[in-house]
Amino acid sequence: MVQRISEPIRVGVIHGPGARLRPVWFDWQRRKHEVREVTYHWRHRAGNELMLHYSVTDGTALYELVYNTAEQTWTLESIDAEKL
């Protein structure tokens, strides 16, 4: 079951090549989660803001991380612990 979170988080990323971002870790609930794999990524526009979505796993659950390029902020949108 997917659990909606929608909380701001800190994310460590690798930039490049080009304008690409790759999340490598994120902090949530005072715990650092190492990203083992980016399983999917997509983008959409919310008005003038470009939102970059990343489906990632730490080996225990799937997480949806969203980067707002206009505000330069990250959000943990959802968790799906049953997919693994």
PDB file of N, CA and C in Angstrom:
ATOM      1  N   MET A   1       0.836  -1.184   0.000  1.00  0.00           N
ATOM      2  CA  MET A   1       0.000   0.000   0.000  1.00  0.00           C
ATOM      3  C   MET A   1       0.885   1.253   0.000  1.00  0.00           C
ATOM      4  N   VAL A   2       0.532   2.186  -0.824  1.00  0.00           N
ATOM      5  CA  VAL A   2       1.294   3.432  -0.916  1.00  0.00           C
ATOM      6  C   VAL A   2       0.861   4.377   0.194  1.00  0.00           C
ATOM      7  N   GLN A   3       1.841   4.890   0.916  1.00  0.00           N
ATOM      8  CA  GLN A   3       1.581   5.846   1.992  1.00  0.00           C
ATOM      9  C   GLN A   3       2.042   7.224   1.526  1.00  0.00           C
ATOM     10  N   ARG A   4       1.124   8.188   1.461  1.00  0.00           N
ATOM     11  CA  ARG A   4       1.462   9.569   1.083  1.00  0.00           C
ATOM     12  C   ARG A   4       2.130  10.260   2.258  1.00  0.00           C
ATOM     13  N   ILE A   5       3.251  10.929   1.979  1.00  0.00           N
ATOM     14  CA  ILE A   5       4.031  11.586   3.031  1.00  0.00           C
ATOM     15  C   ILE A   5       4.037  13.099   2.839  1.00  0.00           C
ATOM     16  N   SER A   6       4.508  13.567   1.687  1.00  0.00           N
ATOM     17  CA  SER A   6       4.599  14.992   1.332  1.00  0.00           C
ATOM     18  C   SER A   6       5.323  15.822   2.393  1.00  0.00           C
ATOM     19  N   GLU A   7       6.539  15.378   2.753  1.00  0.00           N
ATOM     20  CA  GLU A   7       7.363  16.088   3.731  1.00  0.00           C
ATOM     21  C   GLU A   7       8.644  16.584   3.075  1.00  0.00           C
ATOM     22  N   PRO A   8       9.106  17.785   3.440  1.00  0.00           N
ATOM     23  CA  PRO A   8      10.395  18.250   2.933  1.00  0.00           C
ATOM     24  C   PRO A   8      11.523  17.393   3.500  1.00  0.00           C
ATOM     25  N   ILE A   9      12.528  17.114   2.667  1.00  0.00           N
ATOM     26  CA  ILE A   9      13.666  16.289   3.082  1.00  0.00           C
ATOM     27  C   ILE A   9      14.953  16.871   2.516  1.00  0.00           C
ATOM     28  N   ARG A  10      16.073  16.379   3.055  1.00  0.00           N
ATOM     29  CA  ARG A  10      17.406  16.691   2.530  1.00  0.00           C
ATOM     30  C   ARG A  10      17.816  15.538   1.633  1.00  0.00           C
ATOM     31  N   VAL A  11      18.415  15.856   0.469  1.00  0.00           N
ATOM     32  CA  VAL A  11      18.825  14.828  -0.480  1.00  0.00           C
ATOM     33  C   VAL A  11      20.240  15.124  -0.961  1.00  0.00           C
ATOM     34  N   GLY A  12      21.064  14.090  -0.994  1.00  0.00           N
ATOM     35  CA  GLY A  12      22.392  14.194  -1.589  1.00  0.00           C
ATOM     36  C   GLY A  12      22.309  13.724  -3.033  1.00  0.00           C
ATOM     37  N   VAL A  13      22.829  14.523  -3.961  1.00  0.00           N
ATOM     38  CA  VAL A  13      22.723  14.182  -5.385  1.00  0.00           C
ATOM     39  C   VAL A  13      24.077  14.268  -6.077  1.00  0.00           C
ATOM     40  N   ILE A  14      24.173  13.563  -7.189  1.00  0.00           N
ATOM     41  CA  ILE A  14      25.302  13.693  -8.102  1.00  0.00           C
ATOM     42  C   ILE A  14      24.778  14.424  -9.324  1.00  0.00           C
ATOM     43  N   HIS A  15      25.474  15.483  -9.721  1.00  0.00           N
ATOM     44  CA  HIS A  15      25.101  16.273 -10.889  1.00  0.00           C
ATOM     45  C   HIS A  15      25.881  15.780 -12.098  1.00  0.00           C
ATOM     46  N   GLY A  16      25.172  15.656 -13.223  1.00  0.00           N
ATOM     47  CA  GLY A  16      25.850  15.385 -14.480  1.00  0.00           C
ATOM     48  C   GLY A  16      25.783  13.934 -14.889  1.00  0.00           C
ATOM     49  N   PRO A  17      26.134  13.653 -16.110  1.00  0.00           N
ATOM     50  CA  PRO A  17      26.547  14.634 -17.105  1.00  0.00           C
ATOM     51  C   PRO A  17      25.372  15.495 -17.556  1.00  0.00           C
ATOM     52  N   GLY A  18      25.686  16.665 -18.041  1.00  0.00           N
ATOM     53  CA  GLY A  18      24.641  17.594 -18.474  1.00  0.00           C
ATOM     54  C   GLY A  18      23.849  18.101 -17.283  1.00  0.00           C
ATOM     55  N   ALA A  19      22.560  18.222 -17.456  1.00  0.00           N
ATOM     56  CA  ALA A  19      21.683  18.750 -16.407  1.00  0.00           C
ATOM     57  C   ALA A  19      21.054  17.647 -15.564  1.00  0.00           C
ATOM     58  N   ARG A  20      21.557  16.430 -15.674  1.00  0.00           N
ATOM     59  CA  ARG A  20      20.972  15.303 -14.956  1.00  0.00           C
ATOM     60  C   ARG A  20      21.308  15.337 -13.466  1.00  0.00           C
ATOM     61  N   LEU A  21      20.356  14.889 -12.657  1.00  0.00           N
ATOM     62  CA  LEU A  21      20.554  14.718 -11.213  1.00  0.00           C
ATOM     63  C   LEU A  21      20.345  13.244 -10.882  1.00  0.00           C
ATOM     64  N   ARG A  22      21.142  12.728  -9.940  1.00  0.00           N
ATOM     65  CA  ARG A  22      20.930  11.359  -9.467  1.00  0.00           C
ATOM     66  C   ARG A  22      20.990  11.368  -7.944  1.00  0.00           C
ATOM     67  N   PRO A  23      19.853  11.125  -7.280  1.00  0.00           N
ATOM     68  CA  PRO A  23      19.864  11.064  -5.815  1.00  0.00           C
ATOM     69  C   PRO A  23      20.692   9.864  -5.345  1.00  0.00           C
ATOM     70  N   VAL A  24      21.520  10.083  -4.307  1.00  0.00           N
ATOM     71  CA  VAL A  24      22.332   8.989  -3.760  1.00  0.00           C
ATOM     72  C   VAL A  24      21.994   8.690  -2.297  1.00  0.00           C
ATOM     73  N   TRP A  25      21.391   9.641  -1.612  1.00  0.00           N
ATOM     74  CA  TRP A  25      20.905   9.416  -0.246  1.00  0.00           C
ATOM     75  C   TRP A  25      19.871  10.480   0.083  1.00  0.00           C
ATOM     76  N   PHE A  26      19.054  10.203   1.118  1.00  0.00           N
ATOM     77  CA  PHE A  26      18.126  11.213   1.633  1.00  0.00           C
ATOM     78  C   PHE A  26      17.907  10.976   3.114  1.00  0.00           C
ATOM     79  N   ASP A  27      17.645  12.063   3.833  1.00  0.00           N
ATOM     80  CA  ASP A  27      17.345  12.000   5.268  1.00  0.00           C
ATOM     81  C   ASP A  27      15.844  12.087   5.456  1.00  0.00           C
ATOM     82  N   TRP A  28      15.315  11.167   6.258  1.00  0.00           N
ATOM     83  CA  TRP A  28      13.898  11.215   6.605  1.00  0.00           C
ATOM     84  C   TRP A  28      13.730  10.621   7.998  1.00  0.00           C
ATOM     85  N   GLN A  29      13.032  11.322   8.853  1.00  0.00           N
ATOM     86  CA  GLN A  29      12.803  10.917  10.250  1.00  0.00           C
ATOM     87  C   GLN A  29      14.116  10.623  10.970  1.00  0.00           C
ATOM     88  N   ARG A  30      15.072  11.544  10.779  1.00  0.00           N
ATOM     89  CA  ARG A  30      16.384  11.478  11.434  1.00  0.00           C
ATOM     90  C   ARG A  30      17.167  10.215  11.072  1.00  0.00           C
ATOM     91  N   ARG A  31      16.902   9.676   9.882  1.00  0.00           N
ATOM     92  CA  ARG A  31      17.603   8.489   9.419  1.00  0.00           C
ATOM     93  C   ARG A  31      18.057   8.702   7.987  1.00  0.00           C
ATOM     94  N   LYS A  32      19.304   8.343   7.716  1.00  0.00           N
ATOM     95  CA  LYS A  32      19.851   8.480   6.369  1.00  0.00           C
ATOM     96  C   LYS A  32      19.556   7.199   5.584  1.00  0.00           C
ATOM     97  N   HIS A  33      18.918   7.369   4.425  1.00  0.00           N
ATOM     98  CA  HIS A  33      18.591   6.252   3.544  1.00  0.00           C
ATOM     99  C   HIS A  33      19.514   6.308   2.330  1.00  0.00           C
ATOM    100  N   GLU A  34      20.290   5.261   2.118  1.00  0.00           N
ATOM    101  CA  GLU A  34      21.165   5.172   0.948  1.00  0.00           C
ATOM    102  C   GLU A  34      20.334   4.702  -0.235  1.00  0.00           C
ATOM    103  N   VAL A  35      20.407   5.418  -1.347  1.00  0.00           N
ATOM    104  CA  VAL A  35      19.673   5.026  -2.549  1.00  0.00           C
ATOM    105  C   VAL A  35      20.463   3.937  -3.256  1.00  0.00           C
ATOM    106  N   ARG A  36      19.893   2.742  -3.301  1.00  0.00           N
ATOM    107  CA  ARG A  36      20.541   1.636  -3.996  1.00  0.00           C
ATOM    108  C   ARG A  36      20.318   1.704  -5.499  1.00  0.00           C
ATOM    109  N   GLU A  37      19.109   2.198  -5.874  1.00  0.00           N
ATOM    110  CA  GLU A  37      18.771   2.227  -7.297  1.00  0.00           C
ATOM    111  C   GLU A  37      17.697   3.275  -7.556  1.00  0.00           C
ATOM    112  N   VAL A  38      17.838   3.981  -8.658  1.00  0.00           N
ATOM    113  CA  VAL A  38      16.764   4.832  -9.172  1.00  0.00           C
ATOM    114  C   VAL A  38      16.015   3.941 -10.144  1.00  0.00           C
ATOM    115  N   THR A  39      14.775   3.570  -9.786  1.00  0.00           N
ATOM    116  CA  THR A  39      14.027   2.618 -10.601  1.00  0.00           C
ATOM    117  C   THR A  39      13.286   3.281 -11.756  1.00  0.00           C
ATOM    118  N   TYR A  40      12.973   4.558 -11.617  1.00  0.00           N
ATOM    119  CA  TYR A  40      12.249   5.283 -12.662  1.00  0.00           C
ATOM    120  C   TYR A  40      12.352   6.772 -12.364  1.00  0.00           C
ATOM    121  N   HIS A  41      12.311   7.593 -13.404  1.00  0.00           N
ATOM    122  CA  HIS A  41      12.255   9.039 -13.179  1.00  0.00           C
ATOM    123  C   HIS A  41      11.419   9.672 -14.274  1.00  0.00           C
ATOM    124  N   TRP A  42      10.754  10.765 -13.921  1.00  0.00           N
ATOM    125  CA  TRP A  42       9.910  11.489 -14.866  1.00  0.00           C
ATOM    126  C   TRP A  42       9.810  12.934 -14.422  1.00  0.00           C
ATOM    127  N   ARG A  43       9.215  13.756 -15.259  1.00  0.00           N
ATOM    128  CA  ARG A  43       9.071  15.184 -14.949  1.00  0.00           C
ATOM    129  C   ARG A  43       7.675  15.636 -15.330  1.00  0.00           C
ATOM    130  N   HIS A  44       7.219  16.681 -14.661  1.00  0.00           N
ATOM    131  CA  HIS A  44       5.963  17.321 -15.046  1.00  0.00           C
ATOM    132  C   HIS A  44       6.027  18.784 -14.643  1.00  0.00           C
ATOM    133  N   ARG A  45       5.137  19.567 -15.197  1.00  0.00           N
ATOM    134  CA  ARG A  45       5.059  20.993 -14.867  1.00  0.00           C
ATOM    135  C   ARG A  45       3.842  21.239 -13.989  1.00  0.00           C
ATOM    136  N   ALA A  46       4.046  22.039 -12.944  1.00  0.00           N
ATOM    137  CA  ALA A  46       2.960  22.522 -12.080  1.00  0.00           C
ATOM    138  C   ALA A  46       2.966  24.037 -12.263  1.00  0.00           C
ATOM    139  N   GLY A  47       2.172  24.512 -13.232  1.00  0.00           N
ATOM    140  CA  GLY A  47       2.234  25.928 -13.587  1.00  0.00           C
ATOM    141  C   GLY A  47       3.557  26.204 -14.262  1.00  0.00           C
ATOM    142  N   ASN A  48       4.322  27.155 -13.736  1.00  0.00           N
ATOM    143  CA  ASN A  48       5.636  27.476 -14.285  1.00  0.00           C
ATOM    144  C   ASN A  48       6.761  26.651 -13.678  1.00  0.00           C
ATOM    145  N   GLU A  49       6.445  25.827 -12.697  1.00  0.00           N
ATOM    146  CA  GLU A  49       7.481  25.071 -11.990  1.00  0.00           C
ATOM    147  C   GLU A  49       7.673  23.688 -12.596  1.00  0.00           C
ATOM    148  N   LEU A  50       8.933  23.329 -12.841  1.00  0.00           N
ATOM    149  CA  LEU A  50       9.274  22.001 -13.332  1.00  0.00           C
ATOM    150  C   LEU A  50       9.550  21.107 -12.125  1.00  0.00           C
ATOM    151  N   MET A  51       8.848  19.983 -12.064  1.00  0.00           N
ATOM    152  CA  MET A  51       9.005  19.026 -10.971  1.00  0.00           C
ATOM    153  C   MET A  51       9.677  17.770 -11.518  1.00  0.00           C
ATOM    154  N   LEU A  52      10.782  17.355 -10.881  1.00  0.00           N
ATOM    155  CA  LEU A  52      11.496  16.148 -11.267  1.00  0.00           C
ATOM    156  C   LEU A  52      11.179  15.062 -10.248  1.00  0.00           C
ATOM    157  N   HIS A  53      10.632  13.952 -10.691  1.00  0.00           N
ATOM    158  CA  HIS A  53      10.233  12.839  -9.824  1.00  0.00           C
ATOM    159  C   HIS A  53      11.231  11.699  -9.970  1.00  0.00           C
ATOM    160  N   TYR A  54      11.571  11.078  -8.839  1.00  0.00           N
ATOM    161  CA  TYR A  54      12.479   9.942  -8.827  1.00  0.00           C
ATOM    162  C   TYR A  54      11.870   8.842  -7.964  1.00  0.00           C
ATOM    163  N   SER A  55      11.704   7.668  -8.544  1.00  0.00           N
ATOM    164  CA  SER A  55      11.319   6.495  -7.779  1.00  0.00           C
ATOM    165  C   SER A  55      12.616   5.794  -7.414  1.00  0.00           C
ATOM    166  N   VAL A  56      12.887   5.674  -6.102  1.00  0.00           N
ATOM    167  CA  VAL A  56      14.160   5.117  -5.638  1.00  0.00           C
ATOM    168  C   VAL A  56      13.902   4.038  -4.594  1.00  0.00           C
ATOM    169  N   THR A  57      14.885   3.169  -4.409  1.00  0.00           N
ATOM    170  CA  THR A  57      14.798   2.158  -3.368  1.00  0.00           C
ATOM    171  C   THR A  57      16.068   2.159  -2.522  1.00  0.00           C
ATOM    172  N   ASP A  58      15.875   1.852  -1.248  1.00  0.00           N
ATOM    173  CA  ASP A  58      17.005   1.657  -0.338  1.00  0.00           C
ATOM    174  C   ASP A  58      17.161   0.173  -0.008  1.00  0.00           C
ATOM    175  N   GLY A  59      16.415  -0.672  -0.715  1.00  0.00           N
ATOM    176  CA  GLY A  59      16.449  -2.107  -0.481  1.00  0.00           C
ATOM    177  C   GLY A  59      15.333  -2.595   0.418  1.00  0.00           C
ATOM    178  N   THR A  60      14.640  -1.670   1.083  1.00  0.00           N
ATOM    179  CA  THR A  60      13.539  -2.057   1.970  1.00  0.00           C
ATOM    180  C   THR A  60      12.188  -1.540   1.509  1.00  0.00           C
ATOM    181  N   ALA A  61      12.172  -0.461   0.716  1.00  0.00           N
ATOM    182  CA  ALA A  61      10.921   0.144   0.248  1.00  0.00           C
ATOM    183  C   ALA A  61      11.193   0.979  -0.995  1.00  0.00           C
ATOM    184  N   LEU A  62      10.113   1.343  -1.690  1.00  0.00           N
ATOM    185  CA  LEU A  62      10.196   2.291  -2.793  1.00  0.00           C
ATOM    186  C   LEU A  62       9.757   3.653  -2.291  1.00  0.00           C
ATOM    187  N   TYR A  63      10.479   4.687  -2.686  1.00  0.00           N
ATOM    188  CA  TYR A  63      10.196   6.051  -2.269  1.00  0.00           C
ATOM    189  C   TYR A  63      10.055   6.922  -3.510  1.00  0.00           C
ATOM    190  N   GLU A  64       9.152   7.890  -3.456  1.00  0.00           N
ATOM    191  CA  GLU A  64       9.054   8.875  -4.522  1.00  0.00           C
ATOM    192  C   GLU A  64       9.605  10.194  -3.995  1.00  0.00           C
ATOM    193  N   LEU A  65      10.717  10.628  -4.583  1.00  0.00           N
ATOM    194  CA  LEU A  65      11.341  11.900  -4.239  1.00  0.00           C
ATOM    195  C   LEU A  65      11.028  12.890  -5.347  1.00  0.00           C
ATOM    196  N   VAL A  66      10.697  14.131  -4.970  1.00  0.00           N
ATOM    197  CA  VAL A  66      10.355  15.149  -5.967  1.00  0.00           C
ATOM    198  C   VAL A  66      11.215  16.385  -5.737  1.00  0.00           C
ATOM    199  N   TYR A  67      11.849  16.838  -6.824  1.00  0.00           N
ATOM    200  CA  TYR A  67      12.661  18.048  -6.783  1.00  0.00           C
ATOM    201  C   TYR A  67      11.930  19.158  -7.520  1.00  0.00           C
ATOM    202  N   ASN A  68      11.674  20.264  -6.820  1.00  0.00           N
ATOM    203  CA  ASN A  68      11.056  21.444  -7.402  1.00  0.00           C
ATOM    204  C   ASN A  68      12.197  22.328  -7.893  1.00  0.00           C
ATOM    205  N   THR A  69      12.336  22.444  -9.215  1.00  0.00           N
ATOM    206  CA  THR A  69      13.482  23.175  -9.773  1.00  0.00           C
ATOM    207  C   THR A  69      13.395  24.676  -9.530  1.00  0.00           C
ATOM    208  N   ALA A  70      12.185  25.215  -9.402  1.00  0.00           N
ATOM    209  CA  ALA A  70      12.037  26.659  -9.165  1.00  0.00           C
ATOM    210  C   ALA A  70      12.428  27.019  -7.737  1.00  0.00           C
ATOM    211  N   GLU A  71      11.961  26.234  -6.768  1.00  0.00           N
ATOM    212  CA  GLU A  71      12.256  26.509  -5.354  1.00  0.00           C
ATOM    213  C   GLU A  71      13.525  25.825  -4.875  1.00  0.00           C
ATOM    214  N   GLN A  72      14.057  24.898  -5.675  1.00  0.00           N
ATOM    215  CA  GLN A  72      15.227  24.095  -5.335  1.00  0.00           C
ATOM    216  C   GLN A  72      15.030  23.373  -4.005  1.00  0.00           C
ATOM    217  N   THR A  73      13.881  22.712  -3.881  1.00  0.00           N
ATOM    218  CA  THR A  73      13.552  21.948  -2.678  1.00  0.00           C
ATOM    219  C   THR A  73      13.198  20.510  -3.047  1.00  0.00           C
ATOM    220  N   TRP A  74      13.430  19.618  -2.095  1.00  0.00           N
ATOM    221  CA  TRP A  74      13.089  18.201  -2.240  1.00  0.00           C
ATOM    222  C   TRP A  74      11.947  17.846  -1.306  1.00  0.00           C
ATOM    223  N   THR A  75      11.085  16.938  -1.766  1.00  0.00           N
ATOM    224  CA  THR A  75       9.965  16.438  -0.976  1.00  0.00           C
ATOM    225  C   THR A  75       9.910  14.920  -1.097  1.00  0.00           C
ATOM    226  N   LEU A  76       9.673  14.255   0.024  1.00  0.00           N
ATOM    227  CA  LEU A  76       9.360  12.828  -0.001  1.00  0.00           C
ATOM    228  C   LEU A  76       7.850  12.736  -0.173  1.00  0.00           C
ATOM    229  N   GLU A  77       7.410  12.342  -1.363  1.00  0.00           N
ATOM    230  CA  GLU A  77       5.981  12.301  -1.671  1.00  0.00           C
ATOM    231  C   GLU A  77       5.293  11.062  -1.131  1.00  0.00           C
ATOM    232  N   SER A  78       5.940   9.888  -1.314  1.00  0.00           N
ATOM    233  CA  SER A  78       5.268   8.658  -0.904  1.00  0.00           C
ATOM    234  C   SER A  78       6.266   7.539  -0.647  1.00  0.00           C
ATOM    235  N   ILE A  79       5.753   6.509   0.039  1.00  0.00           N
ATOM    236  CA  ILE A  79       6.512   5.291   0.343  1.00  0.00           C
ATOM    237  C   ILE A  79       5.624   4.107   0.010  1.00  0.00           C
ATOM    238  N   ASP A  80       6.221   3.092  -0.629  1.00  0.00           N
ATOM    239  CA  ASP A  80       5.519   1.845  -0.886  1.00  0.00           C
ATOM    240  C   ASP A  80       6.404   0.709  -0.402  1.00  0.00           C
ATOM    241  N   ALA A  81       6.114   0.214   0.795  1.00  0.00           N
ATOM    242  CA  ALA A  81       6.940  -0.824   1.408  1.00  0.00           C
ATOM    243  C   ALA A  81       6.564  -2.222   0.931  1.00  0.00           C
ATOM    244  N   GLU A  82       5.466  -2.360   0.211  1.00  0.00           N
ATOM    245  CA  GLU A  82       5.012  -3.682  -0.218  1.00  0.00           C
ATOM    246  C   GLU A  82       5.522  -4.089  -1.587  1.00  0.00           C
ATOM    247  N   LYS A  83       6.217  -3.213  -2.291  1.00  0.00           N
ATOM    248  CA  LYS A  83       6.650  -3.515  -3.658  1.00  0.00           C
ATOM    249  C   LYS A  83       7.915  -4.346  -3.714  1.00  0.00           C
ATOM    250  N   LEU A  84       8.626  -4.508  -2.607  1.00  0.00           N
ATOM    251  CA  LEU A  84       9.891  -5.239  -2.653  1.00  0.00           C
ATOM    252  C   LEU A  84       9.757  -6.620  -2.095  1.00  0.00           C
TER     253      LEU A  84
END
